Amino acid sequence: MTSRVAKPAARWIGVLWLALAIAGWFDSPVVGRHGFIGADQPMSLAHAVLGLYLLATSFSGESSCAIALYTAAAACVSFAAYAVFQLGQYDGVLLFNTTFASASNEYLHLALGFTMAALGKFNTSSKQLLRE
């Protein structure tokens, strides 16, 4: 018997991403261009897309949710690794000439990416990885 972790994890982390997107869009003191976690509108739009993706898959099976958590984690970690590599010693640069990146935002991406991967792994086993 495997534990049912992926479905609620995808739902709650999706809600968290949407909350971060809304907070970043309105430039709140916590998340925004001048907030504790630096993000601008394009980054908030990416957060919203990621949140909607996780919420949409949370209505499917456990394995689908686990795979969605893995793909979202891969997207977050790869983008954050690239951004941290580009940031170097400077904070608040434009990535790809489209979106604002700060070290605090990218460390949030890394932390949530590894958390999503771990929560997806709690669900999977050799007998259940792609089955429902």
C-alpha atoms as a PDB file:
ATOM      1  CA  MET A   1       0.000   0.000   0.000  1.00  0.00           C
ATOM      2  CA  THR A   2       1.457   3.311  -1.022  1.00  0.00           C
ATOM      3  CA  SER A   3       0.662   6.549   0.723  1.00  0.00           C
ATOM      4  CA  ARG A   4      -1.519   9.147  -0.944  1.00  0.00           C
ATOM      5  CA  VAL A   5       0.741  12.170  -0.911  1.00  0.00           C
ATOM      6  CA  ALA A   6       1.021  13.406  -4.485  1.00  0.00           C
ATOM      7  CA  LYS A   7      -2.583  14.519  -4.999  1.00  0.00           C
ATOM      8  CA  PRO A   8      -2.861  16.803  -1.938  1.00  0.00           C
ATOM      9  CA  ALA A   9       0.718  17.965  -2.438  1.00  0.00           C
ATOM     10  CA  ALA A  10       0.001  19.005  -6.030  1.00  0.00           C
ATOM     11  CA  ARG A  11      -3.157  20.790  -4.919  1.00  0.00           C
ATOM     12  CA  TRP A  12      -1.607  22.721  -2.008  1.00  0.00           C
ATOM     13  CA  ILE A  13       1.628  23.579  -3.783  1.00  0.00           C
ATOM     14  CA  GLY A  14      -0.440  24.739  -6.768  1.00  0.00           C
ATOM     15  CA  VAL A  15      -2.385  27.030  -4.444  1.00  0.00           C
ATOM     16  CA  LEU A  16       0.907  28.277  -2.981  1.00  0.00           C
ATOM     17  CA  TRP A  17       2.246  29.087  -6.462  1.00  0.00           C
ATOM     18  CA  LEU A  18      -0.964  30.940  -7.315  1.00  0.00           C
ATOM     19  CA  ALA A  19      -0.778  32.924  -4.069  1.00  0.00           C
ATOM     20  CA  LEU A  20       2.837  33.840  -4.845  1.00  0.00           C
ATOM     21  CA  ALA A  21       1.780  34.883  -8.351  1.00  0.00           C
ATOM     22  CA  ILE A  22      -0.994  37.137  -7.066  1.00  0.00           C
ATOM     23  CA  ALA A  23       1.255  38.670  -4.412  1.00  0.00           C
ATOM     24  CA  GLY A  24       4.026  39.264  -6.965  1.00  0.00           C
ATOM     25  CA  TRP A  25       1.676  40.770  -9.523  1.00  0.00           C
ATOM     26  CA  PHE A  26       0.541  43.464  -7.099  1.00  0.00           C
ATOM     27  CA  ASP A  27       4.070  44.075  -5.759  1.00  0.00           C
ATOM     28  CA  SER A  28       3.404  43.228  -2.127  1.00  0.00           C
ATOM     29  CA  PRO A  29       6.031  43.616   0.612  1.00  0.00           C
ATOM     30  CA  VAL A  30       6.542  39.845   0.673  1.00  0.00           C
ATOM     31  CA  VAL A  31       6.703  39.036  -3.059  1.00  0.00           C
ATOM     32  CA  GLY A  32       7.266  41.652  -5.722  1.00  0.00           C
ATOM     33  CA  ARG A  33       9.822  43.824  -7.406  1.00  0.00           C
ATOM     34  CA  HIS A  34      10.619  45.501  -4.077  1.00  0.00           C
ATOM     35  CA  GLY A  35       9.509  42.654  -1.792  1.00  0.00           C
ATOM     36  CA  PHE A  36      11.440  40.156   0.269  1.00  0.00           C
ATOM     37  CA  ILE A  37      11.202  37.651  -2.586  1.00  0.00           C
ATOM     38  CA  GLY A  38      11.936  39.619  -5.732  1.00  0.00           C
ATOM     39  CA  ALA A  39       9.652  38.943  -8.704  1.00  0.00           C
ATOM     40  CA  ASP A  40       8.020  40.984 -11.441  1.00  0.00           C
ATOM     41  CA  GLN A  41       4.953  40.450 -13.629  1.00  0.00           C
ATOM     42  CA  PRO A  42       6.507  37.929 -16.081  1.00  0.00           C
ATOM     43  CA  MET A  43       7.861  35.874 -13.183  1.00  0.00           C
ATOM     44  CA  SER A  44       4.454  36.066 -11.484  1.00  0.00           C
ATOM     45  CA  LEU A  45       2.850  34.882 -14.709  1.00  0.00           C
ATOM     46  CA  ALA A  46       5.212  31.889 -14.747  1.00  0.00           C
ATOM     47  CA  HIS A  47       4.293  31.181 -11.117  1.00  0.00           C
ATOM     48  CA  ALA A  48       0.597  31.305 -12.050  1.00  0.00           C
ATOM     49  CA  VAL A  49       1.087  28.898 -14.970  1.00  0.00           C
ATOM     50  CA  LEU A  50       2.949  26.494 -12.701  1.00  0.00           C
ATOM     51  CA  GLY A  51       0.232  26.750 -10.049  1.00  0.00           C
ATOM     52  CA  LEU A  52      -2.558  26.175 -12.569  1.00  0.00           C
ATOM     53  CA  TYR A  53      -0.679  23.187 -14.010  1.00  0.00           C
ATOM     54  CA  LEU A  54      -0.382  21.583 -10.571  1.00  0.00           C
ATOM     55  CA  LEU A  55      -3.997  22.371  -9.703  1.00  0.00           C
ATOM     56  CA  ALA A  56      -5.258  20.914 -12.971  1.00  0.00           C
ATOM     57  CA  THR A  57      -3.338  17.678 -12.489  1.00  0.00           C
ATOM     58  CA  SER A  58      -4.472  17.391  -8.869  1.00  0.00           C
ATOM     59  CA  PHE A  59      -7.879  16.303 -10.165  1.00  0.00           C
ATOM     60  CA  SER A  60      -6.351  13.261 -11.873  1.00  0.00           C
ATOM     61  CA  GLY A  61      -4.759  10.164 -10.330  1.00  0.00           C
ATOM     62  CA  GLU A  62      -1.904   9.860  -7.882  1.00  0.00           C
ATOM     63  CA  SER A  63       0.655   8.854 -10.495  1.00  0.00           C
ATOM     64  CA  SER A  64      -0.281  11.773 -12.732  1.00  0.00           C
ATOM     65  CA  CYS A  65       0.130  14.112  -9.778  1.00  0.00           C
ATOM     66  CA  ALA A  66       3.516  12.596  -8.956  1.00  0.00           C
ATOM     67  CA  ILE A  67       4.681  13.085 -12.545  1.00  0.00           C
ATOM     68  CA  ALA A  68       3.351  16.664 -12.509  1.00  0.00           C
ATOM     69  CA  LEU A  69       5.290  17.307  -9.307  1.00  0.00           C
ATOM     70  CA  TYR A  70       8.425  15.891 -10.951  1.00  0.00           C
ATOM     71  CA  THR A  71       8.065  18.021 -14.082  1.00  0.00           C
ATOM     72  CA  ALA A  72       7.294  21.171 -12.083  1.00  0.00           C
ATOM     73  CA  ALA A  73      10.290  20.450  -9.863  1.00  0.00           C
ATOM     74  CA  ALA A  74      12.534  19.952 -12.894  1.00  0.00           C
ATOM     75  CA  ALA A  75      11.348  23.256 -14.366  1.00  0.00           C
ATOM     76  CA  CYS A  76      11.916  25.130 -11.105  1.00  0.00           C
ATOM     77  CA  VAL A  77      15.319  23.637 -10.357  1.00  0.00           C
ATOM     78  CA  SER A  78      16.656  24.037 -13.897  1.00  0.00           C
ATOM     79  CA  PHE A  79      15.502  27.653 -14.166  1.00  0.00           C
ATOM     80  CA  ALA A  80      16.804  28.464 -10.686  1.00  0.00           C
ATOM     81  CA  ALA A  81      20.154  26.810 -11.336  1.00  0.00           C
ATOM     82  CA  TYR A  82      20.575  28.819 -14.531  1.00  0.00           C
ATOM     83  CA  ALA A  83      19.495  32.026 -12.815  1.00  0.00           C
ATOM     84  CA  VAL A  84      21.782  31.555  -9.811  1.00  0.00           C
ATOM     85  CA  PHE A  85      24.627  30.797 -12.213  1.00  0.00           C
ATOM     86  CA  GLN A  86      23.894  34.022 -14.135  1.00  0.00           C
ATOM     87  CA  LEU A  87      23.378  36.147 -11.038  1.00  0.00           C
ATOM     88  CA  GLY A  88      26.866  35.554  -9.689  1.00  0.00           C
ATOM     89  CA  GLN A  89      27.538  38.358  -7.242  1.00  0.00           C
ATOM     90  CA  TYR A  90      24.790  40.632  -8.528  1.00  0.00           C
ATOM     91  CA  ASP A  91      21.219  40.622  -7.333  1.00  0.00           C
ATOM     92  CA  GLY A  92      18.296  41.718  -9.459  1.00  0.00           C
ATOM     93  CA  VAL A  93      19.313  41.140 -13.077  1.00  0.00           C
ATOM     94  CA  LEU A  94      17.130  40.562 -16.111  1.00  0.00           C
ATOM     95  CA  LEU A  95      17.131  37.004 -17.420  1.00  0.00           C
ATOM     96  CA  PHE A  96      16.565  36.431 -21.122  1.00  0.00           C
ATOM     97  CA  ASN A  97      15.840  40.201 -21.284  1.00  0.00           C
ATOM     98  CA  THR A  98      12.288  39.452 -20.145  1.00  0.00           C
ATOM     99  CA  THR A  99      12.048  38.650 -16.454  1.00  0.00           C
ATOM    100  CA  PHE A 100      13.561  39.962 -13.272  1.00  0.00           C
ATOM    101  CA  ALA A 101      15.456  37.447 -11.159  1.00  0.00           C
ATOM    102  CA  SER A 102      16.749  37.853  -7.655  1.00  0.00           C
ATOM    103  CA  ALA A 103      18.672  35.465  -5.454  1.00  0.00           C
ATOM    104  CA  SER A 104      15.798  35.194  -2.965  1.00  0.00           C
ATOM    105  CA  ASN A 105      13.339  34.197  -5.712  1.00  0.00           C
ATOM    106  CA  GLU A 106      15.688  31.606  -7.148  1.00  0.00           C
ATOM    107  CA  TYR A 107      16.398  30.086  -3.738  1.00  0.00           C
ATOM    108  CA  LEU A 108      12.619  29.835  -3.299  1.00  0.00           C
ATOM    109  CA  HIS A 109      12.457  28.036  -6.664  1.00  0.00           C
ATOM    110  CA  LEU A 110      15.196  25.643  -5.553  1.00  0.00           C
ATOM    111  CA  ALA A 111      13.548  24.943  -2.196  1.00  0.00           C
ATOM    112  CA  LEU A 112      10.084  24.356  -3.666  1.00  0.00           C
ATOM    113  CA  GLY A 113      11.560  22.345  -6.543  1.00  0.00           C
ATOM    114  CA  PHE A 114      13.318  19.916  -4.224  1.00  0.00           C
ATOM    115  CA  THR A 115      10.227  19.773  -2.004  1.00  0.00           C
ATOM    116  CA  MET A 116       7.997  18.931  -4.973  1.00  0.00           C
ATOM    117  CA  ALA A 117      10.405  16.204  -6.097  1.00  0.00           C
ATOM    118  CA  ALA A 118      10.491  14.706  -2.607  1.00  0.00           C
ATOM    119  CA  LEU A 119       6.698  14.775  -2.279  1.00  0.00           C
ATOM    120  CA  GLY A 120       6.347  13.122  -5.677  1.00  0.00           C
ATOM    121  CA  LYS A 121       8.785  10.428  -4.602  1.00  0.00           C
ATOM    122  CA  PHE A 122       6.768   9.632  -1.463  1.00  0.00           C
ATOM    123  CA  ASN A 123       3.967   8.382  -3.693  1.00  0.00           C
ATOM    124  CA  THR A 124       5.838   6.296  -6.206  1.00  0.00           C
ATOM    125  CA  SER A 125       7.010   2.733  -5.915  1.00  0.00           C
ATOM    126  CA  SER A 126       8.152   0.208  -8.456  1.00  0.00           C
ATOM    127  CA  LYS A 127       4.597  -1.182  -8.660  1.00  0.00           C
ATOM    128  CA  GLN A 128       2.757   2.109  -8.953  1.00  0.00           C
ATOM    129  CA  LEU A 129       4.940   4.569 -10.864  1.00  0.00           C
ATOM    130  CA  LEU A 130       2.775   4.840 -13.982  1.00  0.00           C
ATOM    131  CA  ARG A 131      -0.380   2.974 -12.948  1.00  0.00           C
ATOM    132  CA  GLU A 132      -3.716   3.992 -11.541  1.00  0.00           C
END
